Amino acid sequence: MREKNTDSRKQEEPSSSLKDNPSLKKHFGTDGIRGIPNESLTEEIVSKVCSSVEKILSPKTIALIADTRSSSETIAMWISNGFSQEVTIFNYGILPSGSMPILLDELNHDMGIIISASHNPSEYNGIKLIDKNGSKLSDEVEILIEETMDSIEVPKETSIIKESHLGYENYKIFLDSINDIDFSQFNLVVDSANGAAYKIIEDIIPKNKSAATFIANKPNGSNINENSGATHTENLVNIMKDGQLGISFDGDADRLIMIDENKKVANGDVIIALLATYLSKIKKLDNESVVSTVMSNYGFKIAMKNNNFNLIETPVGDKYVAEAMKKYKAVLGGEQSGHIIFSEYLPVGDGIVTFLLVLKALNYFNTTLSDFRKENIQEYPQKLINIELGDTLNKEELEFINQIAFGLSNKKNLDGRYLIRNSGTEPLLRVLVEAKNSQEMDIFLDELLIKINDYLN
């Protein structure tokens, strides 16, 4: 990451210690293991991961949930084949990934596994491993799992899966316990991405006290995230009428992106700014600290400074946000992509919890989302371009591309910043450019993309 030096208006030269992908693991990305089942994600990988987990962590009972992908049943079988008969797996069905800490706590399981590829297209799937406390496994444990996979053998006598409806019931009870919203203030359009939130979100919005329209809420196993959800908000924007508030989840509902009353996308930066201000006012923002990632908009950073909040930055990935929150005793953190964590409720991001918190904040301030952002955060123009790769770039290749960008930024005297990194979940190069005005941003980005593509080709 090369961020602008705001004093000299130059960017620091890239160093050889660039840590774009902090863990550099073979199978685990920034959010579990993902791939196309029976292609890049195989039964051998999933089963050996589970066998390694049993050897290292020795769980006896496991909570299992999934999003709406048709391949989830197959992956559940692969998971079962990886554990021995000493382990019992309880399948709680389709649930948002944020429900897992509730299941582990209320139903007393040793660990959890989430079958999901989050915001990825339906042909992808994956697994996320969750420890007994409800948090994602550390990089150190994931590396140990990968090392153990090389010599592990899957058991001959495998685990069994027991089906249960108690997961939905317990998660619903939890959401009801924090849902004291006056919904009459809002006219909502809710996009569930044909994913894990599709049923529970309708159950927690009172039909007789709210104006709510639900879209992308009929999953069929192959339409998750299809032209919908937090990464494809165009359809939601087109459906909305002026004055309505748009709510958009991703496939496993751990992230939330909103559309304000003027049909303008409000990403995680805007949501965190709102929640930080709200929590500070009600004396629940411990240490007046907020954690975000290097992707956050410069306008967001200015908003944090103007409110005298302590801003702590991490690499991209909500697990790194969660780790920093523990280290610095912060209760609020998140990503521009919409993963928001409020640790008083949960140790991980949950789009539905974030949705409820946003409505609480807007109720408290008696304002609209569009009015809040107009008064509190002025975002710099920003563009994120994804370049498809055959293989993830290695450290040297990534460093060379950053040197190209560094040279161009000096030549153009860029009043902004750039961030170039490998995706932690897909074979993509993510190129982010931000500048004080759109024209400068577009000119710099166009030239940078030409130079990067020349190098890659």
Protein backbone atom coordinates (compact mmCIF):
# COMPACT_ATOMS: atom_id res chain seq x y z
CA MET A 1 0.00 0.00 0.00
CA ARG A 2 1.27 3.43 -0.94
CA GLU A 3 -0.68 6.20 0.68
CA LYS A 4 -0.19 9.88 -0.02
CA ASN A 5 2.02 11.84 2.33
CA THR A 6 -0.34 14.72 3.06
CA ASP A 7 2.47 17.10 4.02
CA SER A 8 4.63 16.74 0.92
CA ARG A 9 1.77 15.70 -1.38
CA LYS A 10 4.03 12.88 -2.56
CA GLN A 11 3.72 9.16 -1.95
CA GLU A 12 6.26 7.16 0.00
CA GLU A 13 8.41 4.90 -2.12
CA PRO A 14 7.42 1.21 -1.93
CA SER A 15 9.63 -0.92 0.25
CA SER A 16 10.59 -4.58 -0.05
CA SER A 17 8.56 -5.35 3.08
CA LEU A 18 5.25 -4.68 1.32
CA LYS A 19 2.59 -6.82 2.98
CA ASP A 20 -0.34 -6.74 0.61
CA ASN A 21 -1.39 -10.27 1.49
CA PRO A 22 -0.34 -10.54 5.14
CA SER A 23 -0.60 -14.31 5.51
CA LEU A 24 0.64 -15.57 2.13
CA LYS A 25 -1.11 -18.91 2.65
CA LYS A 26 -1.76 -21.59 0.06
CA HIS A 27 -5.46 -22.28 0.65
CA PHE A 28 -6.74 -19.71 3.15
CA GLY A 29 -7.48 -16.21 1.92
CA THR A 30 -8.59 -13.19 3.92
CA ASP A 31 -11.96 -14.83 4.54
CA GLY A 32 -11.61 -18.61 4.65
CA ILE A 33 -11.13 -20.94 1.69
CA ARG A 34 -13.02 -20.40 -1.57
CA GLY A 35 -13.14 -21.83 -5.04
CA ILE A 36 -15.31 -23.60 -7.58
CA PRO A 37 -16.36 -27.00 -6.17
CA ASN A 38 -14.72 -29.95 -7.94
CA GLU A 39 -12.30 -27.56 -9.64
CA SER A 40 -10.21 -25.25 -7.46
CA LEU A 41 -12.11 -26.36 -4.35
CA THR A 42 -11.92 -30.13 -4.06
CA GLU A 43 -13.14 -32.79 -1.65
CA GLU A 44 -9.52 -33.55 -0.78
CA ILE A 45 -8.83 -29.94 0.27
CA VAL A 46 -11.99 -29.60 2.36
CA SER A 47 -11.73 -33.02 4.01
CA LYS A 48 -8.01 -32.65 4.79
CA VAL A 49 -8.62 -29.20 6.26
CA CYS A 50 -11.23 -30.73 8.56
CA SER A 51 -8.98 -33.66 9.49
CA SER A 52 -6.22 -31.19 10.32
CA VAL A 53 -8.63 -29.11 12.39
CA GLU A 54 -9.58 -32.18 14.41
CA LYS A 55 -5.93 -33.02 15.05
CA ILE A 56 -5.02 -29.47 16.10
CA LEU A 57 -8.16 -28.21 17.88
CA SER A 58 -9.86 -31.50 18.97
CA PRO A 59 -13.50 -30.36 18.66
CA LYS A 60 -16.22 -32.79 19.71
CA THR A 61 -19.27 -30.89 18.44
CA ILE A 62 -19.42 -28.51 15.48
CA ALA A 63 -22.10 -26.02 14.43
CA LEU A 64 -22.62 -25.90 10.66
CA ILE A 65 -24.50 -23.23 8.67
CA ALA A 66 -24.61 -22.29 4.99
CA ASP A 67 -25.82 -19.72 2.52
CA THR A 68 -28.21 -20.61 -0.32
CA ARG A 69 -25.82 -22.16 -2.89
CA SER A 70 -26.84 -25.52 -4.32
CA SER A 71 -23.31 -26.89 -3.79
CA SER A 72 -23.52 -26.46 0.00
CA GLU A 73 -24.95 -29.94 0.53
CA THR A 74 -21.99 -31.50 -1.28
CA ILE A 75 -19.50 -29.50 0.76
CA ALA A 76 -21.28 -30.51 3.97
CA MET A 77 -20.63 -34.13 2.99
CA TRP A 78 -16.94 -33.34 2.36
CA ILE A 79 -16.74 -31.73 5.80
CA SER A 80 -18.34 -34.77 7.41
CA ASN A 81 -15.85 -37.05 5.64
CA GLY A 82 -12.96 -35.06 7.10
CA PHE A 83 -13.90 -35.55 10.73
CA SER A 84 -13.80 -38.83 12.61
CA GLN A 85 -16.73 -40.53 14.32
CA GLU A 86 -15.60 -38.83 17.54
CA VAL A 87 -17.06 -35.57 16.18
CA THR A 88 -20.74 -34.72 15.81
CA ILE A 89 -21.82 -32.00 13.36
CA PHE A 90 -25.07 -30.10 13.93
CA ASN A 91 -26.43 -28.62 10.71
CA TYR A 92 -28.54 -25.51 11.39
CA GLY A 93 -29.26 -24.85 7.73
CA ILE A 94 -29.37 -21.50 5.94
CA LEU A 95 -28.37 -18.67 8.28
CA PRO A 96 -26.34 -15.45 8.06
CA SER A 97 -22.73 -16.02 9.04
CA GLY A 98 -23.07 -13.52 11.89
CA SER A 99 -25.35 -15.98 13.65
CA MET A 100 -22.47 -18.37 14.33
CA PRO A 101 -21.23 -16.75 17.59
CA ILE A 102 -24.80 -16.96 18.93
CA LEU A 103 -25.06 -20.67 18.09
CA LEU A 104 -21.68 -21.45 19.63
CA ASP A 105 -22.57 -19.62 22.83
CA GLU A 106 -26.20 -20.66 23.26
CA LEU A 107 -25.87 -24.25 22.02
CA ASN A 108 -22.40 -24.90 23.46
CA HIS A 109 -20.41 -26.13 20.46
CA ASP A 110 -16.63 -26.36 20.27
CA MET A 111 -16.32 -24.58 16.92
CA GLY A 112 -18.28 -23.56 13.84
CA ILE A 113 -18.00 -23.98 10.08
CA ILE A 114 -19.75 -21.68 7.62
CA ILE A 115 -20.29 -22.95 4.08
CA SER A 116 -20.28 -19.83 1.93
CA ALA A 117 -18.42 -17.85 -0.69
CA SER A 118 -19.93 -14.61 0.57
CA HIS A 119 -20.23 -12.07 -2.28
CA ASN A 120 -18.78 -14.35 -4.98
CA PRO A 121 -20.96 -15.70 -7.84
CA SER A 122 -23.05 -18.81 -7.26
CA GLU A 123 -20.60 -21.22 -8.91
CA TYR A 124 -18.14 -20.51 -6.08
CA ASN A 125 -18.36 -21.86 -2.56
CA GLY A 126 -16.10 -22.18 0.43
CA ILE A 127 -15.67 -22.71 4.14
CA LYS A 128 -14.99 -20.36 7.03
CA LEU A 129 -13.68 -21.81 10.28
CA ILE A 130 -14.85 -20.17 13.51
CA ASP A 131 -13.37 -20.77 16.96
CA LYS A 132 -15.37 -21.42 20.11
CA ASN A 133 -15.45 -17.71 20.94
CA GLY A 134 -17.09 -16.88 17.60
CA SER A 135 -14.02 -15.37 15.90
CA LYS A 136 -12.27 -16.41 12.72
CA LEU A 137 -9.14 -18.48 13.23
CA SER A 138 -5.85 -16.62 13.48
CA ASP A 139 -3.31 -16.64 10.64
CA GLU A 140 -1.03 -18.76 12.82
CA VAL A 141 -3.65 -21.50 13.26
CA GLU A 142 -4.56 -21.42 9.55
CA ILE A 143 -0.90 -21.82 8.61
CA LEU A 144 -0.60 -24.74 11.04
CA ILE A 145 -3.67 -26.36 9.46
CA GLU A 146 -2.12 -26.05 6.00
CA GLU A 147 1.16 -27.53 7.20
CA THR A 148 -0.70 -30.46 8.83
CA MET A 149 -2.64 -31.16 5.62
CA ASP A 150 0.54 -32.35 3.90
CA SER A 151 0.76 -35.46 6.09
CA ILE A 152 -2.81 -35.98 7.36
CA GLU A 153 -5.04 -38.86 6.29
CA VAL A 154 -8.82 -38.62 6.35
CA PRO A 155 -10.51 -41.04 8.78
CA LYS A 156 -12.09 -44.31 7.66
CA GLU A 157 -14.94 -43.95 10.18
CA THR A 158 -16.34 -40.47 9.64
CA SER A 159 -18.59 -38.07 11.55
CA ILE A 160 -22.36 -37.82 11.29
CA ILE A 161 -24.50 -34.75 10.63
CA LYS A 162 -27.59 -34.02 12.72
CA GLU A 163 -30.17 -31.57 11.40
CA SER A 164 -31.57 -28.93 13.78
CA HIS A 165 -33.90 -25.92 13.67
CA LEU A 166 -32.63 -24.48 16.96
CA GLY A 167 -30.12 -22.22 15.20
CA TYR A 168 -32.76 -20.06 13.53
CA GLU A 169 -34.73 -19.81 16.76
CA ASN A 170 -31.74 -18.71 18.83
CA TYR A 171 -30.57 -16.19 16.25
CA LYS A 172 -34.07 -14.72 15.99
CA ILE A 173 -34.26 -14.37 19.79
CA PHE A 174 -30.92 -12.53 19.75
CA LEU A 175 -32.02 -10.12 17.01
CA ASP A 176 -35.32 -9.46 18.76
CA SER A 177 -33.40 -8.57 21.94
CA ILE A 178 -31.65 -5.65 20.20
CA ASN A 179 -34.51 -4.66 17.90
CA ASP A 180 -36.24 -1.71 19.54
CA ILE A 181 -36.50 0.27 16.29
CA ASP A 182 -39.27 2.70 15.45
CA PHE A 183 -39.74 1.44 11.89
CA SER A 184 -42.51 3.94 11.15
CA GLN A 185 -39.82 6.54 10.34
CA PHE A 186 -38.50 4.52 7.39
CA ASN A 187 -39.56 3.49 3.90
CA LEU A 188 -37.22 0.59 3.19
CA VAL A 189 -36.23 -1.39 0.11
CA VAL A 190 -34.32 -4.50 1.18
CA ASP A 191 -32.09 -6.51 -1.17
CA SER A 192 -31.18 -9.91 0.31
CA ALA A 193 -28.97 -10.97 -2.63
CA ASN A 194 -30.99 -14.22 -2.79
CA GLY A 195 -28.74 -15.20 0.07
CA ALA A 196 -28.73 -16.15 3.73
CA ALA A 197 -30.65 -13.08 4.95
CA TYR A 198 -33.71 -13.66 2.76
CA LYS A 199 -36.02 -15.13 5.44
CA ILE A 200 -34.77 -13.73 8.75
CA ILE A 201 -34.81 -10.12 7.55
CA GLU A 202 -38.52 -10.33 6.75
CA ASP A 203 -39.19 -11.88 10.14
CA ILE A 204 -37.60 -9.03 12.12
CA ILE A 205 -39.23 -6.08 10.30
CA PRO A 206 -42.76 -5.66 11.69
CA LYS A 207 -45.17 -5.68 8.76
CA ASN A 208 -47.79 -3.54 10.49
CA LYS A 209 -45.35 -0.77 11.54
CA SER A 210 -43.14 -0.31 8.50
CA ALA A 211 -43.14 0.38 4.81
CA ALA A 212 -40.77 -2.24 3.42
CA THR A 213 -40.28 -3.76 -0.02
CA PHE A 214 -38.19 -6.93 -0.36
CA ILE A 215 -36.25 -7.84 -3.51
CA ALA A 216 -33.80 -10.61 -4.45
CA ASN A 217 -35.43 -12.75 -1.75
CA LYS A 218 -36.27 -15.91 -3.71
CA PRO A 219 -33.11 -18.06 -3.73
CA ASN A 220 -33.05 -21.06 -6.06
CA GLY A 221 -29.54 -22.34 -5.40
CA SER A 222 -27.94 -20.63 -8.37
CA ASN A 223 -29.02 -16.97 -8.18
CA ILE A 224 -27.15 -15.80 -5.07
CA ASN A 225 -25.57 -12.35 -5.68
CA GLU A 226 -26.87 -12.40 -9.26
CA ASN A 227 -27.33 -8.74 -10.23
CA SER A 228 -28.14 -8.10 -6.60
CA GLY A 229 -26.66 -7.63 -3.19
CA ALA A 230 -23.94 -5.46 -1.69
CA THR A 231 -21.59 -5.78 -4.67
CA HIS A 232 -24.29 -5.18 -7.32
CA THR A 233 -26.44 -2.33 -6.08
CA GLU A 234 -27.54 -1.05 -9.52
CA ASN A 235 -30.85 -2.93 -9.52
CA LEU A 236 -31.70 -1.72 -6.02
CA VAL A 237 -30.95 1.89 -7.00
CA ASN A 238 -33.16 1.60 -10.09
CA ILE A 239 -36.09 0.19 -8.11
CA MET A 240 -35.95 2.77 -5.34
CA LYS A 241 -37.99 5.94 -5.29
CA ASP A 242 -36.74 9.24 -3.89
CA GLY A 243 -37.01 9.27 -0.12
CA GLN A 244 -36.67 5.51 0.28
CA LEU A 245 -33.75 3.94 2.14
CA GLY A 246 -31.99 1.02 0.46
CA ILE A 247 -30.59 -1.95 2.38
CA SER A 248 -28.29 -4.40 0.60
CA PHE A 249 -26.68 -7.56 2.02
CA ASP A 250 -24.21 -9.96 0.43
CA GLY A 251 -24.57 -13.73 0.08
CA ASP A 252 -23.86 -14.68 3.68
CA ALA A 253 -25.15 -11.35 5.04
CA ASP A 254 -22.02 -10.39 6.92
CA ARG A 255 -21.78 -7.07 5.09
CA LEU A 256 -24.18 -4.20 4.53
CA ILE A 257 -24.19 -1.50 1.87
CA MET A 258 -26.89 1.15 1.96
CA ILE A 259 -28.46 3.50 -0.57
CA ASP A 260 -29.45 6.85 0.90
CA GLU A 261 -32.65 8.75 0.24
CA ASN A 262 -31.06 10.49 -2.77
CA LYS A 263 -30.17 7.11 -4.35
CA LYS A 264 -26.48 7.54 -3.53
CA VAL A 265 -24.52 4.47 -2.40
CA ALA A 266 -23.42 4.65 1.24
CA ASN A 267 -20.57 2.22 1.82
CA GLY A 268 -18.92 1.07 5.02
CA ASP A 269 -17.08 4.37 5.51
CA VAL A 270 -20.36 6.28 5.73
CA ILE A 271 -21.94 3.63 7.96
CA ILE A 272 -18.96 3.56 10.36
CA ALA A 273 -18.95 7.37 10.54
CA LEU A 274 -22.64 7.34 11.48
CA LEU A 275 -22.26 4.57 14.05
CA ALA A 276 -19.12 6.09 15.60
CA THR A 277 -20.92 9.41 16.07
CA TYR A 278 -23.98 7.67 17.52
CA LEU A 279 -22.03 5.41 19.90
CA SER A 280 -19.93 8.35 21.07
CA LYS A 281 -23.08 10.36 21.86
CA ILE A 282 -24.56 7.53 23.94
CA LYS A 283 -21.18 6.92 25.68
CA LYS A 284 -20.59 3.49 24.14
CA LEU A 285 -17.57 4.22 21.92
CA ASP A 286 -14.85 2.86 24.19
CA ASN A 287 -11.64 4.94 24.12
CA GLU A 288 -13.29 7.00 21.36
CA SER A 289 -11.53 4.55 19.02
CA VAL A 290 -12.50 3.27 15.57
CA VAL A 291 -10.74 0.59 13.50
CA SER A 292 -10.80 0.59 9.70
CA THR A 293 -8.65 -0.73 6.86
CA VAL A 294 -6.28 0.94 4.40
CA MET A 295 -9.16 1.01 1.88
CA SER A 296 -11.01 3.74 3.80
CA ASN A 297 -11.64 6.98 1.95
CA TYR A 298 -9.54 10.00 2.86
CA GLY A 299 -12.76 11.91 3.53
CA PHE A 300 -13.61 9.27 6.15
CA LYS A 301 -10.26 9.83 7.83
CA ILE A 302 -10.91 13.58 7.94
CA ALA A 303 -14.35 12.93 9.48
CA MET A 304 -12.75 10.77 12.19
CA LYS A 305 -10.19 13.50 12.91
CA ASN A 306 -12.86 16.22 13.03
CA ASN A 307 -14.71 14.21 15.70
CA ASN A 308 -11.51 13.60 17.67
CA PHE A 309 -11.85 9.84 17.24
CA ASN A 310 -8.75 7.66 17.41
CA LEU A 311 -8.49 5.95 14.00
CA ILE A 312 -6.58 2.68 13.82
CA GLU A 313 -5.84 1.20 10.36
CA THR A 314 -5.30 -2.46 9.44
CA PRO A 315 -4.68 -4.52 6.30
CA VAL A 316 -7.76 -5.47 4.27
CA GLY A 317 -9.85 -8.23 5.88
CA ASP A 318 -12.43 -8.11 8.66
CA LYS A 319 -10.43 -10.63 10.70
CA TYR A 320 -7.60 -8.08 10.93
CA VAL A 321 -10.12 -5.44 11.97
CA ALA A 322 -11.37 -7.77 14.72
CA GLU A 323 -7.83 -8.49 15.92
CA ALA A 324 -6.99 -4.77 16.10
CA MET A 325 -10.22 -4.06 17.98
CA LYS A 326 -9.17 -6.54 20.67
CA LYS A 327 -5.64 -5.16 20.81
CA TYR A 328 -6.70 -1.51 21.14
CA LYS A 329 -9.88 -2.16 23.13
CA ALA A 330 -12.13 -0.63 20.48
CA VAL A 331 -15.79 -1.64 20.18
CA LEU A 332 -16.37 -0.43 16.62
CA GLY A 333 -14.53 -1.32 13.44
CA GLY A 334 -15.13 -2.27 9.86
CA GLU A 335 -14.36 -2.09 6.19
CA GLN A 336 -15.44 0.11 3.33
CA SER A 337 -16.94 -3.05 1.79
CA GLY A 338 -19.58 -3.12 4.52
CA HIS A 339 -18.19 -5.55 7.11
CA ILE A 340 -18.95 -3.74 10.37
CA ILE A 341 -18.20 -5.12 13.84
CA PHE A 342 -19.76 -3.85 17.07
CA SER A 343 -18.16 -6.06 19.68
CA GLU A 344 -20.71 -5.33 22.39
CA TYR A 345 -23.05 -7.52 20.35
CA LEU A 346 -20.84 -9.84 18.29
CA PRO A 347 -17.12 -10.46 17.67
CA VAL A 348 -17.69 -10.61 13.90
CA GLY A 349 -19.50 -8.59 11.27
CA ASP A 350 -23.22 -9.13 10.79
CA GLY A 351 -25.10 -7.15 8.15
CA ILE A 352 -28.43 -7.48 9.94
CA VAL A 353 -27.01 -6.24 13.25
CA THR A 354 -25.40 -3.33 11.37
CA PHE A 355 -28.77 -2.59 9.72
CA LEU A 356 -30.47 -2.41 13.12
CA LEU A 357 -27.71 -0.18 14.50
CA VAL A 358 -28.00 2.22 11.56
CA LEU A 359 -31.74 2.58 12.11
CA LYS A 360 -31.15 3.11 15.84
CA ALA A 361 -28.68 5.89 15.00
CA LEU A 362 -30.99 7.58 12.50
CA ASN A 363 -33.87 7.36 15.02
CA TYR A 364 -31.63 8.85 17.70
CA PHE A 365 -30.51 11.81 15.58
CA ASN A 366 -33.95 12.17 13.96
CA THR A 367 -32.27 12.52 10.59
CA THR A 368 -31.93 10.83 7.22
CA LEU A 369 -28.84 9.02 6.02
CA SER A 370 -28.41 11.53 3.18
CA ASP A 371 -28.57 14.49 5.56
CA PHE A 372 -26.12 12.89 7.98
CA ARG A 373 -23.48 12.23 5.31
CA LYS A 374 -23.92 15.73 3.84
CA GLU A 375 -23.16 17.28 7.22
CA ASN A 376 -20.50 14.88 8.50
CA ILE A 377 -18.42 13.27 5.75
CA GLN A 378 -17.16 14.60 2.42
CA GLU A 379 -15.81 11.63 0.49
CA TYR A 380 -12.98 11.97 -2.02
CA PRO A 381 -13.75 10.67 -5.53
CA GLN A 382 -12.58 7.06 -5.58
CA LYS A 383 -12.54 4.20 -8.08
CA LEU A 384 -11.73 0.54 -7.58
CA ILE A 385 -10.87 -1.53 -10.66
CA ASN A 386 -10.46 -5.32 -10.61
CA ILE A 387 -8.04 -6.84 -13.12
CA GLU A 388 -8.53 -10.57 -13.71
CA LEU A 389 -5.41 -12.68 -13.28
CA GLY A 390 -4.51 -16.21 -14.26
CA ASP A 391 -2.56 -16.57 -11.02
CA THR A 392 -2.14 -14.34 -8.00
CA LEU A 393 0.88 -12.08 -8.38
CA ASN A 394 3.92 -12.87 -6.26
CA LYS A 395 5.61 -10.36 -3.98
CA GLU A 396 8.17 -9.24 -6.57
CA GLU A 397 5.56 -8.71 -9.30
CA LEU A 398 3.35 -6.74 -6.95
CA GLU A 399 6.30 -4.66 -5.82
CA PHE A 400 7.22 -3.86 -9.43
CA ILE A 401 3.67 -2.68 -10.21
CA ASN A 402 3.76 -0.48 -7.12
CA GLN A 403 7.02 1.02 -8.39
CA ILE A 404 5.26 1.83 -11.67
CA ALA A 405 2.45 3.56 -9.76
CA PHE A 406 4.94 5.38 -7.55
CA GLY A 407 6.72 6.80 -10.58
CA LEU A 408 3.47 7.89 -12.21
CA SER A 409 2.18 9.52 -9.02
CA ASN A 410 5.34 11.60 -8.75
CA LYS A 411 5.14 12.57 -12.42
CA LYS A 412 1.48 13.60 -12.05
CA ASN A 413 1.93 15.11 -8.57
CA LEU A 414 -1.15 13.14 -7.53
CA ASP A 415 -3.23 14.92 -4.89
CA GLY A 416 -4.60 11.67 -3.51
CA ARG A 417 -3.45 8.09 -3.18
CA TYR A 418 -3.44 4.70 -4.79
CA LEU A 419 -3.64 1.19 -3.36
CA ILE A 420 -2.71 -1.91 -5.39
CA ARG A 421 -3.13 -5.37 -3.89
CA ASN A 422 -4.01 -8.96 -4.60
CA SER A 423 -7.55 -9.95 -3.71
CA GLY A 424 -7.63 -12.25 -0.72
CA THR A 425 -10.61 -14.19 -2.09
CA GLU A 426 -10.28 -14.29 -5.90
CA PRO A 427 -7.51 -14.26 -8.59
CA LEU A 428 -7.83 -10.50 -9.04
CA LEU A 429 -5.56 -7.49 -8.82
CA ARG A 430 -7.43 -4.68 -7.07
CA VAL A 431 -6.43 -1.16 -8.11
CA LEU A 432 -7.84 1.70 -6.04
CA VAL A 433 -7.26 5.36 -6.92
CA GLU A 434 -8.49 8.34 -4.95
CA ALA A 435 -8.02 12.04 -5.65
CA LYS A 436 -9.43 15.37 -4.58
CA ASN A 437 -11.26 15.79 -7.90
CA SER A 438 -12.73 13.31 -10.39
CA GLN A 439 -10.79 14.56 -13.41
CA GLU A 440 -7.41 14.06 -11.73
CA MET A 441 -8.49 10.63 -10.52
CA ASP A 442 -9.67 9.49 -13.98
CA ILE A 443 -6.54 10.71 -15.79
CA PHE A 444 -4.21 9.04 -13.30
CA LEU A 445 -6.22 5.79 -13.24
CA ASP A 446 -6.40 5.53 -17.05
CA GLU A 447 -2.63 5.92 -17.43
CA LEU A 448 -1.93 3.57 -14.53
CA LEU A 449 -4.16 0.81 -15.96
CA ILE A 450 -2.41 1.08 -19.34
CA LYS A 451 1.00 0.67 -17.67
CA ILE A 452 -0.18 -2.22 -15.46
CA ASN A 453 -1.76 -4.09 -18.39
CA ASP A 454 1.37 -3.55 -20.51
CA TYR A 455 3.40 -5.14 -17.73
CA LEU A 456 0.98 -8.04 -17.20
CA ASN A 457 0.84 -8.78 -20.93
